[in-house]
Amino acid sequence: MRPVLELGGTHVTAALADPGTATVLRRVREPVRARASAEHVLGALVRCAGELDAPAGEVWGVAVPGPFDHDQGIARFAGVGKFDDLYGVDVRAVLLDAVWPRPAHAVFLNDAHAFLLGEWRSGAARGHERCAGITLGTGVGSAFLVAGRARHEGPGIPPQGRIDLVEAGGGPLEDTVSRRAILAHYGGAHAPLDPDLDVRDIADRARAGERRARRVLDEAFTALGAVLAPHLRDFEATVLVVGGAMAASWDLLRPALRAGLGDTPVTLRPARLGEDAALVGAAAHVATVR
C-alpha cells in the first residue's frame, strides 16, 4: 500500500492505495475551497496527510490539477479560477517539511493522468495499449496513455495534452462543456436559476421528459464528441474512458457523445473505479519514478 494525496476542486483526500488490486484503505477527506487562501489549501493537504498516519520515510504520490509544474512540485495556477493563491508555492517542500511522520519524497502527477492510469491498471481501460480519458465536472480534464505512460505531445494529442485548450464553436471548450456552461445554457440569457440547481438535476429533468434539459445536455456532449473525434483518430485510441461527476449520467451522456464522435473507431466506457481511480493512479505513478 502506498500513501497518496488528491487535490480536487472541492476536497482533499489522503489514502493508502494498492495499484495492483485497486484497493483503497484508511481514507481521510476534507472539504477545500478552490478560491481560498494558500494557507487554507495547504493546511487541508497537511492535515489529511498527517491524519492518515502513514509510516515515516514513504514516497507519496500526489494528484493535482494543472497548471502545475509536476516535476518540481510547484503550483502554477493563474487565471483559471481555482487555487490562484498557491501560485509559485513549492508544494513538495511544504509537504516534506510539515507532514508527520516525515515522507521521504513526494511525486506529483496531473489528476486526469492519475484518473486514467488508475483505470488502465485496474478499471475500464485495462487491456488497452492506447487509451484516452476525460473527466467532466467543473471543467474538462484529459489524458492520453500508451502502455501506461502519459503522452503530452504527438499525433492526436492536443496542446499540453489538454483538450480544454481546444476550441469548440469559436470559443474555449469549457464554454460548451463544463458545469458552468451547462447551467448557463440551461438558464438562458434571462432566466434566473435556482442557486442549488446542478447538472445532475438537469439530467433528472431530461429523464423525466423535459425537452429543454435534454437539448442542453445533447448539445454539450455532442459538441464534446466532435472536438474529441480527430484527436482520438490520430492518436489511435481504442478506448475512451469518461469519469467525473457527469459520468453518473452515462445513460444521457453516451448517446450524445457517440453521435459527436461519428464513425471514430473507439470504444466508450464509463469509469469503473469512481473516486478511487486517481488515488490508485497516484500510487501506480510512484513506482514509475522511484
Protein backbone atom coordinates (compact mmCIF):
# COMPACT_ATOMS: atom_id res chain seq x y z
CA MET A 1 0.00 0.00 0.00
CA ARG A 2 1.29 3.46 -0.88
CA PRO A 3 0.29 6.79 0.70
CA VAL A 4 -1.35 9.17 -1.76
CA LEU A 5 -2.98 12.58 -1.84
CA GLU A 6 -5.51 14.02 -4.26
CA LEU A 7 -6.30 17.73 -4.52
CA GLY A 8 -9.68 18.24 -6.17
CA GLY A 9 -11.74 21.33 -6.84
CA THR A 10 -13.83 20.78 -3.70
CA HIS A 11 -11.83 18.42 -1.50
CA VAL A 12 -8.53 16.94 -0.41
CA THR A 13 -8.22 13.18 0.04
CA ALA A 14 -5.41 11.17 1.61
CA ALA A 15 -5.41 7.39 1.46
CA LEU A 16 -3.39 4.22 1.27
CA ALA A 17 -3.78 2.69 -2.17
CA ASP A 18 -2.65 -0.53 -3.82
CA PRO A 19 -2.40 -0.13 -7.61
CA GLY A 20 -2.27 -3.87 -8.15
CA THR A 21 -5.61 -4.65 -6.57
CA ALA A 22 -7.23 -1.19 -6.81
CA THR A 23 -7.73 -1.33 -3.06
CA VAL A 24 -8.02 1.96 -1.17
CA LEU A 25 -7.79 1.99 2.63
CA ARG A 26 -7.81 4.48 5.50
CA ARG A 27 -9.28 7.33 3.50
CA VAL A 28 -9.11 10.82 5.08
CA ARG A 29 -11.10 13.55 3.34
CA GLU A 30 -11.57 17.26 3.99
CA PRO A 31 -13.50 19.91 2.03
CA VAL A 32 -11.47 22.67 0.44
CA ARG A 33 -12.43 25.94 -1.27
CA ALA A 34 -10.72 26.37 -4.64
CA ARG A 35 -10.67 30.17 -4.30
CA ALA A 36 -9.43 30.14 -0.71
CA SER A 37 -6.05 31.26 0.59
CA ALA A 38 -2.89 29.24 0.17
CA GLU A 39 -2.90 28.62 3.92
CA HIS A 40 -6.38 27.09 3.71
CA VAL A 41 -5.48 24.72 0.86
CA LEU A 42 -2.05 23.74 2.17
CA GLY A 43 -3.44 23.28 5.67
CA ALA A 44 -6.01 20.81 4.34
CA LEU A 45 -3.31 18.87 2.47
CA VAL A 46 -1.06 18.66 5.51
CA ARG A 47 -3.87 17.75 7.93
CA CYS A 48 -5.21 14.96 5.72
CA ALA A 49 -1.74 13.55 5.15
CA GLY A 50 -0.94 13.70 8.86
CA GLU A 51 -4.21 12.08 9.90
CA LEU A 52 -3.51 9.19 7.56
CA ASP A 53 -0.56 8.35 9.84
CA ALA A 54 1.44 6.67 7.09
CA PRO A 55 4.82 5.19 8.04
CA ALA A 56 7.80 7.53 8.03
CA GLY A 57 10.13 7.51 5.04
CA GLU A 58 7.44 6.74 2.45
CA VAL A 59 7.27 8.21 -1.07
CA TRP A 60 3.89 9.89 -1.50
CA GLY A 61 2.03 10.10 -4.81
CA VAL A 62 0.13 13.39 -5.21
CA ALA A 63 -2.53 14.01 -7.89
CA VAL A 64 -3.20 17.68 -8.56
CA PRO A 65 -4.89 19.57 -11.40
CA GLY A 66 -3.00 21.89 -13.73
CA PRO A 67 -1.49 24.31 -14.35
CA PHE A 68 1.19 22.81 -12.12
CA ASP A 69 4.88 22.00 -12.51
CA HIS A 70 4.54 18.36 -11.62
CA ASP A 71 8.27 17.63 -11.97
CA GLN A 72 9.26 20.34 -9.48
CA GLY A 73 6.13 20.23 -7.31
CA ILE A 74 5.42 23.94 -7.78
CA ALA A 75 1.93 25.41 -8.28
CA ARG A 76 1.39 27.47 -11.44
CA PHE A 77 -2.32 28.21 -11.08
CA ALA A 78 -3.09 31.57 -12.67
CA GLY A 79 -6.24 32.88 -14.30
CA VAL A 80 -8.07 29.56 -14.05
CA GLY A 81 -10.44 30.46 -11.21
CA LYS A 82 -9.02 27.96 -8.72
CA PHE A 83 -6.08 27.83 -6.31
CA ASP A 84 -4.70 31.13 -7.66
CA ASP A 85 -3.27 31.99 -4.24
CA LEU A 86 -0.96 28.98 -4.49
CA TYR A 87 0.91 30.39 -7.49
CA GLY A 88 4.66 29.87 -7.09
CA VAL A 89 4.34 27.78 -3.92
CA ASP A 90 6.67 24.79 -3.64
CA VAL A 91 4.01 22.31 -2.54
CA ARG A 92 6.52 19.46 -2.35
CA ALA A 93 8.66 21.39 0.13
CA VAL A 94 5.60 22.17 2.24
CA LEU A 95 4.59 18.50 2.42
CA LEU A 96 8.09 17.24 3.17
CA ASP A 97 8.52 19.84 5.92
CA ALA A 98 5.07 19.77 7.54
CA VAL A 99 3.70 16.23 7.25
CA TRP A 100 4.38 13.92 10.17
CA PRO A 101 5.55 11.14 10.14
CA ARG A 102 8.02 12.60 7.64
CA PRO A 103 7.78 11.45 4.00
CA ALA A 104 10.99 10.64 2.16
CA HIS A 105 9.74 12.26 -1.04
CA ALA A 106 6.59 13.35 -2.88
CA VAL A 107 5.99 12.86 -6.60
CA PHE A 108 3.27 14.70 -8.47
CA LEU A 109 1.11 14.00 -11.50
CA ASN A 110 -1.86 15.61 -13.19
CA ASP A 111 -5.17 14.49 -11.70
CA ALA A 112 -6.60 13.47 -15.10
CA HIS A 113 -3.49 11.37 -15.78
CA ALA A 114 -3.86 9.79 -12.35
CA PHE A 115 -7.51 9.01 -13.11
CA LEU A 116 -6.71 7.32 -16.43
CA LEU A 117 -3.68 5.50 -15.06
CA GLY A 118 -5.86 4.05 -12.31
CA GLU A 119 -8.46 2.96 -14.85
CA TRP A 120 -5.71 1.48 -17.06
CA ARG A 121 -4.23 -0.52 -14.19
CA SER A 122 -7.47 -1.87 -12.74
CA GLY A 123 -10.53 -0.38 -14.41
CA ALA A 124 -12.25 0.46 -17.68
CA ALA A 125 -9.05 0.88 -19.76
CA ARG A 126 -7.42 -2.35 -18.62
CA GLY A 127 -6.01 -4.32 -21.55
CA HIS A 128 -5.81 -1.33 -23.92
CA GLU A 129 -2.40 -0.27 -25.22
CA ARG A 130 -3.53 3.19 -26.33
CA CYS A 131 -6.25 4.85 -24.29
CA ALA A 132 -7.69 8.28 -23.67
CA GLY A 133 -9.67 9.61 -20.73
CA ILE A 134 -11.71 12.67 -19.91
CA THR A 135 -13.08 13.91 -16.62
CA LEU A 136 -16.22 16.03 -16.71
CA GLY A 137 -17.06 18.26 -13.78
CA THR A 138 -16.21 21.87 -13.03
CA GLY A 139 -14.04 21.66 -16.16
CA VAL A 140 -12.81 19.12 -18.70
CA GLY A 141 -9.69 17.15 -17.87
CA SER A 142 -7.96 14.86 -20.34
CA ALA A 143 -5.21 12.28 -20.55
CA PHE A 144 -3.60 10.12 -23.21
CA LEU A 145 -1.67 6.96 -22.30
CA VAL A 146 0.44 4.48 -24.25
CA ALA A 147 1.22 1.33 -22.31
CA GLY A 148 0.50 3.18 -19.08
CA ARG A 149 2.74 6.15 -19.84
CA ALA A 150 1.27 9.64 -20.19
CA ARG A 151 1.86 11.34 -23.53
CA HIS A 152 1.92 15.13 -23.76
CA GLU A 153 2.74 15.50 -27.44
CA GLY A 154 2.50 13.58 -30.68
CA PRO A 155 -0.19 12.72 -33.25
CA GLY A 156 -3.67 13.45 -31.96
CA ILE A 157 -2.57 14.91 -28.65
CA PRO A 158 -3.85 18.47 -28.02
CA PRO A 159 -1.53 21.23 -26.77
CA GLN A 160 -0.01 20.17 -23.42
CA GLY A 161 -2.24 17.09 -23.58
CA ARG A 162 -5.18 19.33 -22.58
CA ILE A 163 -8.39 19.03 -24.57
CA ASP A 164 -9.73 22.06 -22.68
CA LEU A 165 -7.30 24.21 -24.71
CA VAL A 166 -9.10 23.22 -27.93
CA GLU A 167 -11.88 25.48 -29.19
CA ALA A 168 -15.49 24.48 -29.79
CA GLY A 169 -17.81 26.77 -31.73
CA GLY A 170 -15.25 29.55 -31.82
CA GLY A 171 -14.65 29.63 -28.08
CA PRO A 172 -12.99 27.62 -25.32
CA LEU A 173 -14.33 24.08 -24.99
CA GLU A 174 -15.28 24.72 -21.37
CA ASP A 175 -17.70 27.42 -22.55
CA THR A 176 -19.65 24.50 -24.06
CA VAL A 177 -18.90 21.54 -21.80
CA SER A 178 -18.49 22.18 -18.07
CA ARG A 179 -20.75 22.55 -15.08
CA ARG A 180 -20.73 26.32 -15.51
CA ALA A 181 -21.53 26.14 -19.24
CA ILE A 182 -24.37 23.62 -18.93
CA LEU A 183 -26.04 25.58 -16.13
CA ALA A 184 -25.69 28.82 -18.12
CA HIS A 185 -27.13 27.30 -21.30
CA TYR A 186 -30.00 25.73 -19.38
CA GLY A 187 -30.85 29.01 -17.69
CA GLY A 188 -30.66 31.05 -20.88
CA ALA A 189 -29.97 34.74 -21.13
CA HIS A 190 -32.77 35.95 -18.89
CA ALA A 191 -33.96 33.04 -16.75
CA PRO A 192 -32.54 33.14 -13.21
CA LEU A 193 -31.57 29.69 -11.98
CA ASP A 194 -32.17 28.12 -8.62
CA PRO A 195 -28.75 28.53 -6.93
CA ASP A 196 -28.98 24.93 -5.70
CA LEU A 197 -29.55 23.54 -9.22
CA ASP A 198 -26.76 21.29 -10.52
CA VAL A 199 -26.11 19.26 -13.66
CA ARG A 200 -27.48 16.13 -12.02
CA ASP A 201 -30.81 17.96 -11.56
CA ILE A 202 -30.87 18.88 -15.25
CA ALA A 203 -30.18 15.22 -16.03
CA ASP A 204 -33.10 14.16 -13.84
CA ARG A 205 -35.36 16.61 -15.70
CA ALA A 206 -34.15 15.23 -19.03
CA ARG A 207 -35.00 11.70 -17.94
CA ALA A 208 -38.43 12.92 -16.87
CA GLY A 209 -39.06 14.18 -20.41
CA GLU A 210 -38.18 17.88 -20.19
CA ARG A 211 -37.11 18.84 -23.74
CA ARG A 212 -35.00 21.85 -22.82
CA ALA A 213 -32.95 19.83 -20.35
CA ARG A 214 -32.35 17.05 -22.87
CA ARG A 215 -31.44 19.53 -25.61
CA VAL A 216 -28.87 21.32 -23.46
CA LEU A 217 -27.16 18.05 -22.49
CA ASP A 218 -27.29 16.64 -26.01
CA GLU A 219 -25.74 19.79 -27.47
CA ALA A 220 -22.94 19.85 -24.87
CA PHE A 221 -21.92 16.20 -25.17
CA THR A 222 -22.31 16.05 -28.96
CA ALA A 223 -20.02 19.07 -29.23
CA LEU A 224 -17.53 17.34 -26.94
CA GLY A 225 -17.54 14.28 -29.18
CA ALA A 226 -16.96 16.39 -32.29
CA VAL A 227 -13.95 18.05 -30.64
CA LEU A 228 -12.51 14.75 -29.45
CA ALA A 229 -13.04 12.80 -32.70
CA PRO A 230 -9.99 13.93 -34.74
CA HIS A 231 -7.71 13.66 -31.71
CA LEU A 232 -8.81 10.12 -30.88
CA ARG A 233 -8.46 9.02 -34.51
CA ASP A 234 -4.96 10.47 -34.90
CA PHE A 235 -3.86 9.13 -31.51
CA GLU A 236 -5.33 5.73 -32.46
CA ALA A 237 -7.01 5.29 -29.09
CA THR A 238 -9.00 2.08 -28.79
CA VAL A 239 -10.95 3.17 -25.70
CA LEU A 240 -12.18 6.47 -24.26
CA VAL A 241 -12.91 6.36 -20.52
CA VAL A 242 -15.20 9.03 -19.11
CA GLY A 243 -15.09 9.99 -15.44
CA GLY A 244 -16.02 12.88 -13.20
CA ALA A 245 -19.36 13.86 -11.72
CA MET A 246 -21.15 13.97 -15.08
CA ALA A 247 -20.28 10.35 -15.84
CA ALA A 248 -23.08 9.47 -13.39
CA SER A 249 -25.44 10.50 -16.21
CA TRP A 250 -23.96 7.92 -18.60
CA ASP A 251 -27.38 6.99 -19.97
CA LEU A 252 -27.72 10.54 -21.30
CA LEU A 253 -24.06 11.29 -21.95
CA ARG A 254 -23.11 8.26 -24.03
CA PRO A 255 -25.60 8.60 -26.94
CA ALA A 256 -24.77 12.28 -27.47
CA LEU A 257 -21.02 11.71 -27.15
CA ARG A 258 -21.23 8.80 -29.60
CA ALA A 259 -23.15 10.97 -32.06
CA GLY A 260 -20.46 13.62 -31.89
CA LEU A 261 -17.71 11.06 -32.40
CA GLY A 262 -19.39 9.78 -35.55
CA ASP A 263 -17.56 6.80 -37.03
CA THR A 264 -14.45 7.25 -34.86
CA PRO A 265 -13.35 3.66 -34.08
CA VAL A 266 -13.15 3.92 -30.31
CA THR A 267 -14.94 2.09 -27.51
CA LEU A 268 -16.73 4.29 -24.95
CA ARG A 269 -16.71 3.26 -21.32
CA PRO A 270 -17.67 4.92 -18.05
CA ALA A 271 -15.04 4.87 -15.33
CA ARG A 272 -15.23 1.80 -13.09
CA LEU A 273 -13.22 2.92 -10.09
CA GLY A 274 -15.11 6.13 -9.34
CA GLU A 275 -13.29 8.40 -6.89
CA ASP A 276 -10.68 5.70 -6.29
CA ALA A 277 -9.26 5.98 -9.83
CA ALA A 278 -6.97 8.96 -9.19
CA LEU A 279 -5.81 7.52 -5.87
CA VAL A 280 -4.90 4.21 -7.49
CA GLY A 281 -3.22 6.05 -10.36
CA ALA A 282 -1.17 8.21 -7.99
CA ALA A 283 0.03 5.07 -6.21
CA ALA A 284 0.96 3.46 -9.53
CA HIS A 285 2.87 6.58 -10.58
CA VAL A 286 5.17 6.30 -7.57
CA ALA A 287 6.57 3.02 -8.85
CA THR A 288 7.46 4.57 -12.23
CA VAL A 289 9.56 7.43 -10.84
CA ARG A 290 11.31 5.93 -7.82
